[in-house]
Amino acid sequence: MRKELQTNLQYVDVLNEWDPFHLKNGGYETEIADTIQAVHELNNPSKLAKRIQAIYEFSFEKAIPMESCLKIAETLLTIKENESCSL
């Protein structure tokens, strides 16, 4: 369980650094939680990117370009893959 917590904290760090709407001081707690849940459910970068885009668009009523969502999805899935390989 400890390993999963560390992985989730890595996701939080990556998503906070991403800051797609340039809020500078966070403000993405709900979106980060929903995105982490999506990472646990999905393994396909394109599907995850679409889910991430939908999560943030629902909250902020503004779409993030798919290219940016795909890049963050790939980063998150790389963390997930590296974690599963080290178990």
C-alpha atoms as a PDB file:
ATOM      1  CA  MET A   1       0.000   0.000   0.000  1.00  0.00           C
ATOM      2  CA  ARG A   2       2.864   2.352   0.778  1.00  0.00           C
ATOM      3  CA  LYS A   3       4.177   1.987  -2.783  1.00  0.00           C
ATOM      4  CA  GLU A   4       0.771   2.926  -4.214  1.00  0.00           C
ATOM      5  CA  LEU A   5       0.692   6.037  -2.025  1.00  0.00           C
ATOM      6  CA  GLN A   6       4.132   7.068  -3.282  1.00  0.00           C
ATOM      7  CA  THR A   7       2.970   6.587  -6.871  1.00  0.00           C
ATOM      8  CA  ASN A   8      -0.156   8.660  -6.263  1.00  0.00           C
ATOM      9  CA  LEU A   9       2.006  11.420  -4.780  1.00  0.00           C
ATOM     10  CA  GLN A  10       4.149  11.328  -7.933  1.00  0.00           C
ATOM     11  CA  TYR A  11       0.977  11.806  -9.985  1.00  0.00           C
ATOM     12  CA  VAL A  12       0.011  14.774  -7.796  1.00  0.00           C
ATOM     13  CA  ASP A  13       3.438  16.380  -8.252  1.00  0.00           C
ATOM     14  CA  VAL A  14       3.338  15.944 -12.037  1.00  0.00           C
ATOM     15  CA  LEU A  15      -0.202  17.302 -12.305  1.00  0.00           C
ATOM     16  CA  ASN A  16       0.530  20.300 -10.067  1.00  0.00           C
ATOM     17  CA  GLU A  17       3.585  21.137 -12.174  1.00  0.00           C
ATOM     18  CA  TRP A  18       1.513  20.837 -15.348  1.00  0.00           C
ATOM     19  CA  ASP A  19      -0.760  23.760 -14.330  1.00  0.00           C
ATOM     20  CA  PRO A  20      -2.687  23.908 -17.652  1.00  0.00           C
ATOM     21  CA  PHE A  21      -4.564  27.104 -16.760  1.00  0.00           C
ATOM     22  CA  HIS A  22      -1.572  28.884 -15.180  1.00  0.00           C
ATOM     23  CA  LEU A  23      -3.180  29.274 -11.759  1.00  0.00           C
ATOM     24  CA  LYS A  24       0.313  29.343 -10.178  1.00  0.00           C
ATOM     25  CA  ASN A  25      -0.906  28.333  -6.709  1.00  0.00           C
ATOM     26  CA  GLY A  26      -2.735  25.068  -7.270  1.00  0.00           C
ATOM     27  CA  GLY A  27      -6.483  24.944  -7.258  1.00  0.00           C
ATOM     28  CA  TYR A  28      -6.726  21.623  -9.087  1.00  0.00           C
ATOM     29  CA  GLU A  29      -7.391  19.305  -6.132  1.00  0.00           C
ATOM     30  CA  THR A  30     -10.649  17.859  -7.511  1.00  0.00           C
ATOM     31  CA  GLU A  31      -9.288  17.506 -11.037  1.00  0.00           C
ATOM     32  CA  ILE A  32      -6.119  15.826  -9.784  1.00  0.00           C
ATOM     33  CA  ALA A  33      -8.127  13.314  -7.757  1.00  0.00           C
ATOM     34  CA  ASP A  34     -10.340  12.540 -10.765  1.00  0.00           C
ATOM     35  CA  THR A  35      -7.306  12.258 -13.046  1.00  0.00           C
ATOM     36  CA  ILE A  36      -5.530   9.846 -10.686  1.00  0.00           C
ATOM     37  CA  GLN A  37      -8.665   7.704 -10.632  1.00  0.00           C
ATOM     38  CA  ALA A  38      -8.646   7.718 -14.445  1.00  0.00           C
ATOM     39  CA  VAL A  39      -4.972   6.658 -14.492  1.00  0.00           C
ATOM     40  CA  HIS A  40      -5.885   3.646 -12.356  1.00  0.00           C
ATOM     41  CA  GLU A  41      -8.720   2.746 -14.755  1.00  0.00           C
ATOM     42  CA  LEU A  42      -7.101   3.349 -18.146  1.00  0.00           C
ATOM     43  CA  ASN A  43      -3.908   2.189 -19.867  1.00  0.00           C
ATOM     44  CA  ASN A  44      -4.405   3.771 -23.285  1.00  0.00           C
ATOM     45  CA  PRO A  45      -2.779   7.220 -23.641  1.00  0.00           C
ATOM     46  CA  SER A  46      -5.416   8.524 -26.062  1.00  0.00           C
ATOM     47  CA  LYS A  47      -8.325   7.434 -23.886  1.00  0.00           C
ATOM     48  CA  LEU A  48      -6.659   8.849 -20.791  1.00  0.00           C
ATOM     49  CA  ALA A  49      -5.944  12.137 -22.596  1.00  0.00           C
ATOM     50  CA  LYS A  50      -9.616  12.447 -23.580  1.00  0.00           C
ATOM     51  CA  ARG A  51     -10.687  11.756 -19.993  1.00  0.00           C
ATOM     52  CA  ILE A  52      -8.218  14.330 -18.644  1.00  0.00           C
ATOM     53  CA  GLN A  53      -9.449  16.899 -21.140  1.00  0.00           C
ATOM     54  CA  ALA A  54     -13.068  16.218 -20.112  1.00  0.00           C
ATOM     55  CA  ILE A  55     -12.262  16.412 -16.371  1.00  0.00           C
ATOM     56  CA  TYR A  56     -10.614  19.822 -16.651  1.00  0.00           C
ATOM     57  CA  GLU A  57     -13.116  21.160 -19.184  1.00  0.00           C
ATOM     58  CA  PHE A  58     -16.002  20.234 -16.869  1.00  0.00           C
ATOM     59  CA  SER A  59     -14.459  22.243 -14.027  1.00  0.00           C
ATOM     60  CA  PHE A  60     -13.056  25.220 -15.903  1.00  0.00           C
ATOM     61  CA  GLU A  61     -15.421  25.367 -18.903  1.00  0.00           C
ATOM     62  CA  LYS A  62     -12.399  25.659 -21.156  1.00  0.00           C
ATOM     63  CA  ALA A  63     -10.778  22.906 -23.201  1.00  0.00           C
ATOM     64  CA  ILE A  64      -7.103  22.094 -22.907  1.00  0.00           C
ATOM     65  CA  PRO A  65      -5.520  21.274 -26.295  1.00  0.00           C
ATOM     66  CA  MET A  66      -5.492  17.507 -26.870  1.00  0.00           C
ATOM     67  CA  GLU A  67      -1.743  17.564 -27.558  1.00  0.00           C
ATOM     68  CA  SER A  68      -1.108  18.839 -24.025  1.00  0.00           C
ATOM     69  CA  CYS A  69      -3.493  16.269 -22.533  1.00  0.00           C
ATOM     70  CA  LEU A  70      -1.811  13.467 -24.479  1.00  0.00           C
ATOM     71  CA  LYS A  71       1.628  14.526 -23.261  1.00  0.00           C
ATOM     72  CA  ILE A  72       0.533  14.513 -19.603  1.00  0.00           C
ATOM     73  CA  ALA A  73      -1.323  11.215 -20.108  1.00  0.00           C
ATOM     74  CA  GLU A  74       1.841   9.606 -21.462  1.00  0.00           C
ATOM     75  CA  THR A  75       3.854  10.947 -18.517  1.00  0.00           C
ATOM     76  CA  LEU A  76       1.341   9.577 -16.004  1.00  0.00           C
ATOM     77  CA  LEU A  77       1.173   6.194 -17.722  1.00  0.00           C
ATOM     78  CA  THR A  78       4.975   5.994 -17.747  1.00  0.00           C
ATOM     79  CA  ILE A  79       4.952   6.466 -13.966  1.00  0.00           C
ATOM     80  CA  LYS A  80       2.259   3.803 -13.692  1.00  0.00           C
ATOM     81  CA  GLU A  81       4.205   1.394 -15.902  1.00  0.00           C
ATOM     82  CA  ASN A  82       7.460   1.955 -14.036  1.00  0.00           C
ATOM     83  CA  GLU A  83       5.688   1.329 -10.747  1.00  0.00           C
ATOM     84  CA  SER A  84       4.122  -1.923 -11.909  1.00  0.00           C
ATOM     85  CA  CYS A  85       7.504  -3.130 -13.169  1.00  0.00           C
ATOM     86  CA  SER A  86       9.125  -2.539  -9.782  1.00  0.00           C
ATOM     87  CA  LEU A  87       6.593  -4.528  -7.754  1.00  0.00           C
END
